[in-house]
PDB file of N, CA and C in Angstrom:
ATOM      1  N   MET A   1     -13.897   1.173  -2.781  1.00  0.00           N
ATOM      2  CA  MET A   1     -12.596   0.584  -3.046  1.00  0.00           C
ATOM      3  C   MET A   1     -11.835   1.494  -3.997  1.00  0.00           C
ATOM      4  N   GLY A   2     -10.559   1.618  -3.752  1.00  0.00           N
ATOM      5  CA  GLY A   2      -9.698   2.376  -4.641  1.00  0.00           C
ATOM      6  C   GLY A   2      -8.543   1.501  -5.095  1.00  0.00           C
ATOM      7  N   ARG A   3      -7.989   1.839  -6.257  1.00  0.00           N
ATOM      8  CA  ARG A   3      -6.873   1.059  -6.795  1.00  0.00           C
ATOM      9  C   ARG A   3      -5.962   1.992  -7.583  1.00  0.00           C
ATOM     10  N   ILE A   4      -4.666   1.836  -7.353  1.00  0.00           N
ATOM     11  CA  ILE A   4      -3.660   2.586  -8.096  1.00  0.00           C
ATOM     12  C   ILE A   4      -2.612   1.599  -8.587  1.00  0.00           C
ATOM     13  N   ARG A   5      -2.229   1.734  -9.858  1.00  0.00           N
ATOM     14  CA  ARG A   5      -1.148   0.923 -10.429  1.00  0.00           C
ATOM     15  C   ARG A   5       0.021   1.848 -10.726  1.00  0.00           C
ATOM     16  N   ARG A   6       1.162   1.558 -10.108  1.00  0.00           N
ATOM     17  CA  ARG A   6       2.364   2.361 -10.328  1.00  0.00           C
ATOM     18  C   ARG A   6       3.609   1.506 -10.107  1.00  0.00           C
ATOM     19  N   HIS A   7       4.602   1.680 -10.966  1.00  0.00           N
ATOM     20  CA  HIS A   7       5.948   1.120 -10.780  1.00  0.00           C
ATOM     21  C   HIS A   7       5.948  -0.371 -10.425  1.00  0.00           C
ATOM     22  N   GLY A   8       5.074  -1.139 -11.045  1.00  0.00           N
ATOM     23  CA  GLY A   8       5.049  -2.579 -10.807  1.00  0.00           C
ATOM     24  C   GLY A   8       4.251  -3.011  -9.589  1.00  0.00           C
ATOM     25  N   TYR A   9       3.534  -2.079  -8.979  1.00  0.00           N
ATOM     26  CA  TYR A   9       2.700  -2.388  -7.811  1.00  0.00           C
ATOM     27  C   TYR A   9       1.243  -2.068  -8.114  1.00  0.00           C
ATOM     28  N   VAL A  10       0.361  -2.813  -7.495  1.00  0.00           N
ATOM     29  CA  VAL A  10      -1.067  -2.495  -7.484  1.00  0.00           C
ATOM     30  C   VAL A  10      -1.415  -2.281  -6.018  1.00  0.00           C
ATOM     31  N   ILE A  11      -1.920  -1.091  -5.713  1.00  0.00           N
ATOM     32  CA  ILE A  11      -2.232  -0.708  -4.341  1.00  0.00           C
ATOM     33  C   ILE A  11      -3.738  -0.546  -4.231  1.00  0.00           C
ATOM     34  N   GLU A  12      -4.347  -1.280  -3.302  1.00  0.00           N
ATOM     35  CA  GLU A  12      -5.799  -1.235  -3.108  1.00  0.00           C
ATOM     36  C   GLU A  12      -6.129  -0.853  -1.674  1.00  0.00           C
ATOM     37  N   TRP A  13      -7.268  -0.177  -1.527  1.00  0.00           N
ATOM     38  CA  TRP A  13      -7.780   0.129  -0.198  1.00  0.00           C
ATOM     39  C   TRP A  13      -9.294   0.086  -0.258  1.00  0.00           C
ATOM     40  N   PHE A  14      -9.901  -0.091   0.886  1.00  0.00           N
ATOM     41  CA  PHE A  14     -11.347  -0.223   0.981  1.00  0.00           C
ATOM     42  C   PHE A  14     -11.893   0.877   1.879  1.00  0.00           C
ATOM     43  N   ILE A  15     -12.879   1.591   1.394  1.00  0.00           N
ATOM     44  CA  ILE A  15     -13.521   2.641   2.162  1.00  0.00           C
ATOM     45  C   ILE A  15     -14.189   2.000   3.381  1.00  0.00           C
ATOM     46  N   GLY A  16     -13.935   2.558   4.554  1.00  0.00           N
ATOM     47  CA  GLY A  16     -14.549   2.041   5.768  1.00  0.00           C
ATOM     48  C   GLY A  16     -13.919   0.762   6.288  1.00  0.00           C
ATOM     49  N   ASP A  17     -12.728   0.415   5.777  1.00  0.00           N
ATOM     50  CA  ASP A  17     -12.046  -0.799   6.238  1.00  0.00           C
ATOM     51  C   ASP A  17     -11.621  -0.618   7.700  1.00  0.00           C
ATOM     52  N   HIS A  18     -11.309  -1.699   8.352  1.00  0.00           N
ATOM     53  CA  HIS A  18     -10.939  -1.698   9.776  1.00  0.00           C
ATOM     54  C   HIS A  18      -9.634  -0.933  10.017  1.00  0.00           C
ATOM     55  N   ASP A  19      -9.443  -0.510  11.245  1.00  0.00           N
ATOM     56  CA  ASP A  19      -8.200   0.145  11.662  1.00  0.00           C
ATOM     57  C   ASP A  19      -7.142  -0.907  11.910  1.00  0.00           C
ATOM     58  N   PRO A  20      -5.878  -0.584  11.801  1.00  0.00           N
ATOM     59  CA  PRO A  20      -5.309   0.707  11.419  1.00  0.00           C
ATOM     60  C   PRO A  20      -5.461   0.946   9.918  1.00  0.00           C
ATOM     61  N   ARG A  21      -5.383   2.202   9.533  1.00  0.00           N
ATOM     62  CA  ARG A  21      -5.518   2.582   8.124  1.00  0.00           C
ATOM     63  C   ARG A  21      -4.380   1.918   7.340  1.00  0.00           C
ATOM     64  N   HIS A  22      -4.736   1.174   6.293  1.00  0.00           N
ATOM     65  CA  HIS A  22      -3.749   0.402   5.563  1.00  0.00           C
ATOM     66  C   HIS A  22      -4.152   0.219   4.106  1.00  0.00           C
ATOM     67  N   VAL A  23      -3.194  -0.264   3.314  1.00  0.00           N
ATOM     68  CA  VAL A  23      -3.460  -0.625   1.918  1.00  0.00           C
ATOM     69  C   VAL A  23      -3.020  -2.066   1.703  1.00  0.00           C
ATOM     70  N   HIS A  24      -3.577  -2.690   0.678  1.00  0.00           N
ATOM     71  CA  HIS A  24      -3.213  -4.034   0.267  1.00  0.00           C
ATOM     72  C   HIS A  24      -2.323  -3.877  -0.962  1.00  0.00           C
ATOM     73  N   VAL A  25      -1.181  -4.541  -0.985  1.00  0.00           N
ATOM     74  CA  VAL A  25      -0.215  -4.366  -2.066  1.00  0.00           C
ATOM     75  C   VAL A  25      -0.054  -5.681  -2.818  1.00  0.00           C
ATOM     76  N   TYR A  26      -0.103  -5.574  -4.162  1.00  0.00           N
ATOM     77  CA  TYR A  26       0.066  -6.717  -5.068  1.00  0.00           C
ATOM     78  C   TYR A  26       1.174  -6.401  -6.057  1.00  0.00           C
ATOM     79  N   ASP A  27       1.825  -7.434  -6.583  1.00  0.00           N
ATOM     80  CA  ASP A  27       2.813  -7.204  -7.629  1.00  0.00           C
ATOM     81  C   ASP A  27       2.077  -7.031  -8.964  1.00  0.00           C
ATOM     82  N   ALA A  28       2.824  -6.753 -10.020  1.00  0.00           N
ATOM     83  CA  ALA A  28       2.231  -6.474 -11.328  1.00  0.00           C
ATOM     84  C   ALA A  28       1.430  -7.652 -11.884  1.00  0.00           C
ATOM     85  N   LYS A  29       1.745  -8.865 -11.430  1.00  0.00           N
ATOM     86  CA  LYS A  29       1.033 -10.062 -11.906  1.00  0.00           C
ATOM     87  C   LYS A  29      -0.163 -10.415 -11.033  1.00  0.00           C
ATOM     88  N   GLY A  30      -0.437  -9.587 -10.012  1.00  0.00           N
ATOM     89  CA  GLY A  30      -1.583  -9.827  -9.150  1.00  0.00           C
ATOM     90  C   GLY A  30      -1.290 -10.646  -7.915  1.00  0.00           C
ATOM     91  N   GLY A  31      -0.025 -10.983  -7.688  1.00  0.00           N
ATOM     92  CA  GLY A  31       0.342 -11.756  -6.497  1.00  0.00           C
ATOM     93  C   GLY A  31       0.329 -10.875  -5.256  1.00  0.00           C
ATOM     94  N   PHE A  32      -0.315 -11.354  -4.212  1.00  0.00           N
ATOM     95  CA  PHE A  32      -0.411 -10.584  -2.973  1.00  0.00           C
ATOM     96  C   PHE A  32       0.955 -10.494  -2.307  1.00  0.00           C
ATOM     97  N   MET A  33       1.360  -9.262  -1.977  1.00  0.00           N
ATOM     98  CA  MET A  33       2.643  -9.037  -1.310  1.00  0.00           C
ATOM     99  C   MET A  33       2.452  -8.830   0.190  1.00  0.00           C
ATOM    100  N   GLY A  34       1.434  -8.044   0.564  1.00  0.00           N
ATOM    101  CA  GLY A  34       1.191  -7.792   1.974  1.00  0.00           C
ATOM    102  C   GLY A  34       0.318  -6.576   2.191  1.00  0.00           C
ATOM    103  N   ARG A  35       0.091  -6.278   3.476  1.00  0.00           N
ATOM    104  CA  ARG A  35      -0.672  -5.089   3.862  1.00  0.00           C
ATOM    105  C   ARG A  35       0.282  -4.107   4.509  1.00  0.00           C
ATOM    106  N   LEU A  36       0.111  -2.813   4.203  1.00  0.00           N
ATOM    107  CA  LEU A  36       1.002  -1.773   4.691  1.00  0.00           C
ATOM    108  C   LEU A  36       0.218  -0.764   5.513  1.00  0.00           C
ATOM    109  N   ASN A  37       0.646  -0.557   6.749  1.00  0.00           N
ATOM    110  CA  ASN A  37       0.052   0.440   7.636  1.00  0.00           C
ATOM    111  C   ASN A  37       0.444   1.812   7.110  1.00  0.00           C
ATOM    112  N   LEU A  38      -0.528   2.679   6.814  1.00  0.00           N
ATOM    113  CA  LEU A  38      -0.245   3.997   6.256  1.00  0.00           C
ATOM    114  C   LEU A  38       0.225   5.001   7.297  1.00  0.00           C
ATOM    115  N   ASN A  39      -0.032   4.747   8.565  1.00  0.00           N
ATOM    116  CA  ASN A  39       0.405   5.670   9.610  1.00  0.00           C
ATOM    117  C   ASN A  39       1.877   5.469   9.959  1.00  0.00           C
ATOM    118  N   THR A  40       2.315   4.216  10.006  1.00  0.00           N
ATOM    119  CA  THR A  40       3.685   3.907  10.416  1.00  0.00           C
ATOM    120  C   THR A  40       4.570   3.457   9.264  1.00  0.00           C
ATOM    121  N   LEU A  41       3.975   3.216   8.084  1.00  0.00           N
ATOM    122  CA  LEU A  41       4.674   2.698   6.908  1.00  0.00           C
ATOM    123  C   LEU A  41       5.417   1.402   7.221  1.00  0.00           C
ATOM    124  N   THR A  42       4.743   0.529   7.955  1.00  0.00           N
ATOM    125  CA  THR A  42       5.289  -0.788   8.260  1.00  0.00           C
ATOM    126  C   THR A  42       4.342  -1.857   7.723  1.00  0.00           C
ATOM    127  N   GLY A  43       4.915  -3.014   7.407  1.00  0.00           N
ATOM    128  CA  GLY A  43       4.118  -4.122   6.917  1.00  0.00           C
ATOM    129  C   GLY A  43       3.429  -4.858   8.051  1.00  0.00           C
ATOM    130  N   HIS A  44       2.307  -5.473   7.737  1.00  0.00           N
ATOM    131  CA  HIS A  44       1.585  -6.317   8.694  1.00  0.00           C
ATOM    132  C   HIS A  44       2.115  -7.737   8.588  1.00  0.00           C
ATOM    133  N   GLU A  45       1.898  -8.525   9.636  1.00  0.00           N
ATOM    134  CA  GLU A  45       2.255  -9.951   9.665  1.00  0.00           C
ATOM    135  C   GLU A  45       3.716 -10.210   9.296  1.00  0.00           C
ATOM    136  N   GLY A  46       4.618  -9.327   9.706  1.00  0.00           N
ATOM    137  CA  GLY A  46       6.038  -9.543   9.481  1.00  0.00           C
ATOM    138  C   GLY A  46       6.546  -9.223   8.086  1.00  0.00           C
ATOM    139  N   TRP A  47       5.712  -8.657   7.231  1.00  0.00           N
ATOM    140  CA  TRP A  47       6.130  -8.304   5.873  1.00  0.00           C
ATOM    141  C   TRP A  47       6.993  -7.050   5.922  1.00  0.00           C
ATOM    142  N   ASN A  48       8.116  -7.058   5.215  1.00  0.00           N
ATOM    143  CA  ASN A  48       9.007  -5.907   5.134  1.00  0.00           C
ATOM    144  C   ASN A  48       8.971  -5.330   3.722  1.00  0.00           C
ATOM    145  N   PRO A  49       8.196  -4.254   3.497  1.00  0.00           N
ATOM    146  CA  PRO A  49       8.122  -3.654   2.160  1.00  0.00           C
ATOM    147  C   PRO A  49       9.458  -3.030   1.777  1.00  0.00           C
ATOM    148  N   ASP A  50       9.744  -3.018   0.475  1.00  0.00           N
ATOM    149  CA  ASP A  50      11.013  -2.445   0.027  1.00  0.00           C
ATOM    150  C   ASP A  50      10.951  -0.917  -0.032  1.00  0.00           C
ATOM    151  N   LYS A  51      12.114  -0.296  -0.151  1.00  0.00           N
ATOM    152  CA  LYS A  51      12.219   1.170  -0.135  1.00  0.00           C
ATOM    153  C   LYS A  51      11.509   1.810  -1.316  1.00  0.00           C
ATOM    154  N   LYS A  52      11.503   1.136  -2.453  1.00  0.00           N
ATOM    155  CA  LYS A  52      10.829   1.652  -3.648  1.00  0.00           C
ATOM    156  C   LYS A  52       9.326   1.830  -3.382  1.00  0.00           C
ATOM    157  N   LEU A  53       8.723   0.850  -2.739  1.00  0.00           N
ATOM    158  CA  LEU A  53       7.306   0.925  -2.409  1.00  0.00           C
ATOM    159  C   LEU A  53       7.047   2.022  -1.388  1.00  0.00           C
ATOM    160  N   LEU A  54       7.883   2.104  -0.360  1.00  0.00           N
ATOM    161  CA  LEU A  54       7.686   3.130   0.670  1.00  0.00           C
ATOM    162  C   LEU A  54       7.791   4.534   0.081  1.00  0.00           C
ATOM    163  N   LYS A  55       8.708   4.728  -0.851  1.00  0.00           N
ATOM    164  CA  LYS A  55       8.842   6.034  -1.522  1.00  0.00           C
ATOM    165  C   LYS A  55       7.576   6.346  -2.325  1.00  0.00           C
ATOM    166  N   LEU A  56       7.055   5.352  -3.037  1.00  0.00           N
ATOM    167  CA  LEU A  56       5.828   5.530  -3.817  1.00  0.00           C
ATOM    168  C   LEU A  56       4.653   5.881  -2.908  1.00  0.00           C
ATOM    169  N   ILE A  57       4.507   5.178  -1.794  1.00  0.00           N
ATOM    170  CA  ILE A  57       3.401   5.443  -0.866  1.00  0.00           C
ATOM    171  C   ILE A  57       3.507   6.854  -0.315  1.00  0.00           C
ATOM    172  N   THR A  58       4.710   7.287   0.044  1.00  0.00           N
ATOM    173  CA  THR A  58       4.917   8.636   0.569  1.00  0.00           C
ATOM    174  C   THR A  58       4.533   9.681  -0.474  1.00  0.00           C
ATOM    175  N   GLU A  59       4.912   9.472  -1.729  1.00  0.00           N
ATOM    176  CA  GLU A  59       4.549  10.396  -2.805  1.00  0.00           C
ATOM    177  C   GLU A  59       3.041  10.456  -2.993  1.00  0.00           C
ATOM    178  N   LEU A  60       2.380   9.318  -2.973  1.00  0.00           N
ATOM    179  CA  LEU A  60       0.923   9.275  -3.130  1.00  0.00           C
ATOM    180  C   LEU A  60       0.217   9.971  -1.975  1.00  0.00           C
ATOM    181  N   GLN A  61       0.751   9.837  -0.767  1.00  0.00           N
ATOM    182  CA  GLN A  61       0.170  10.525   0.388  1.00  0.00           C
ATOM    183  C   GLN A  61       0.309  12.037   0.241  1.00  0.00           C
ATOM    184  N   LYS A  62       1.480  12.513  -0.220  1.00  0.00           N
ATOM    185  CA  LYS A  62       1.702  13.950  -0.418  1.00  0.00           C
ATOM    186  C   LYS A  62       0.763  14.520  -1.478  1.00  0.00           C
ATOM    187  N   GLN A  63       0.438  13.693  -2.476  1.00  0.00           N
ATOM    188  CA  GLN A  63      -0.470  14.106  -3.545  1.00  0.00           C
ATOM    189  C   GLN A  63      -1.934  14.035  -3.126  1.00  0.00           C
ATOM    190  N   GLY A  64      -2.197  13.492  -1.949  1.00  0.00           N
ATOM    191  CA  GLY A  64      -3.567  13.337  -1.480  1.00  0.00           C
ATOM    192  C   GLY A  64      -4.303  12.164  -2.091  1.00  0.00           C
ATOM    193  N   ARG A  65      -3.572  11.235  -2.692  1.00  0.00           N
ATOM    194  CA  ARG A  65      -4.188  10.082  -3.341  1.00  0.00           C
ATOM    195  C   ARG A  65      -4.516   8.977  -2.348  1.00  0.00           C
ATOM    196  N   LEU A  66      -3.815   8.961  -1.190  1.00  0.00           N
ATOM    197  CA  LEU A  66      -4.070   7.944  -0.163  1.00  0.00           C
ATOM    198  C   LEU A  66      -4.422   8.632   1.130  1.00  0.00           C
TER     199      LEU A  66
END
């Protein structure tokens, strides 16, 4: 399991988790926001992540953190 806290988000992922490759996103207080597909940068189950989160995920991917 990995966890990153940045800009009011907590991003978690599990090694060997099911496909598609995704992360679990929580707010700063620990409230579950949704799951984000890392290949398409879209939310699961109809969740629409905001642009701030998508920018953060893209930066983390470029850094090799995700």
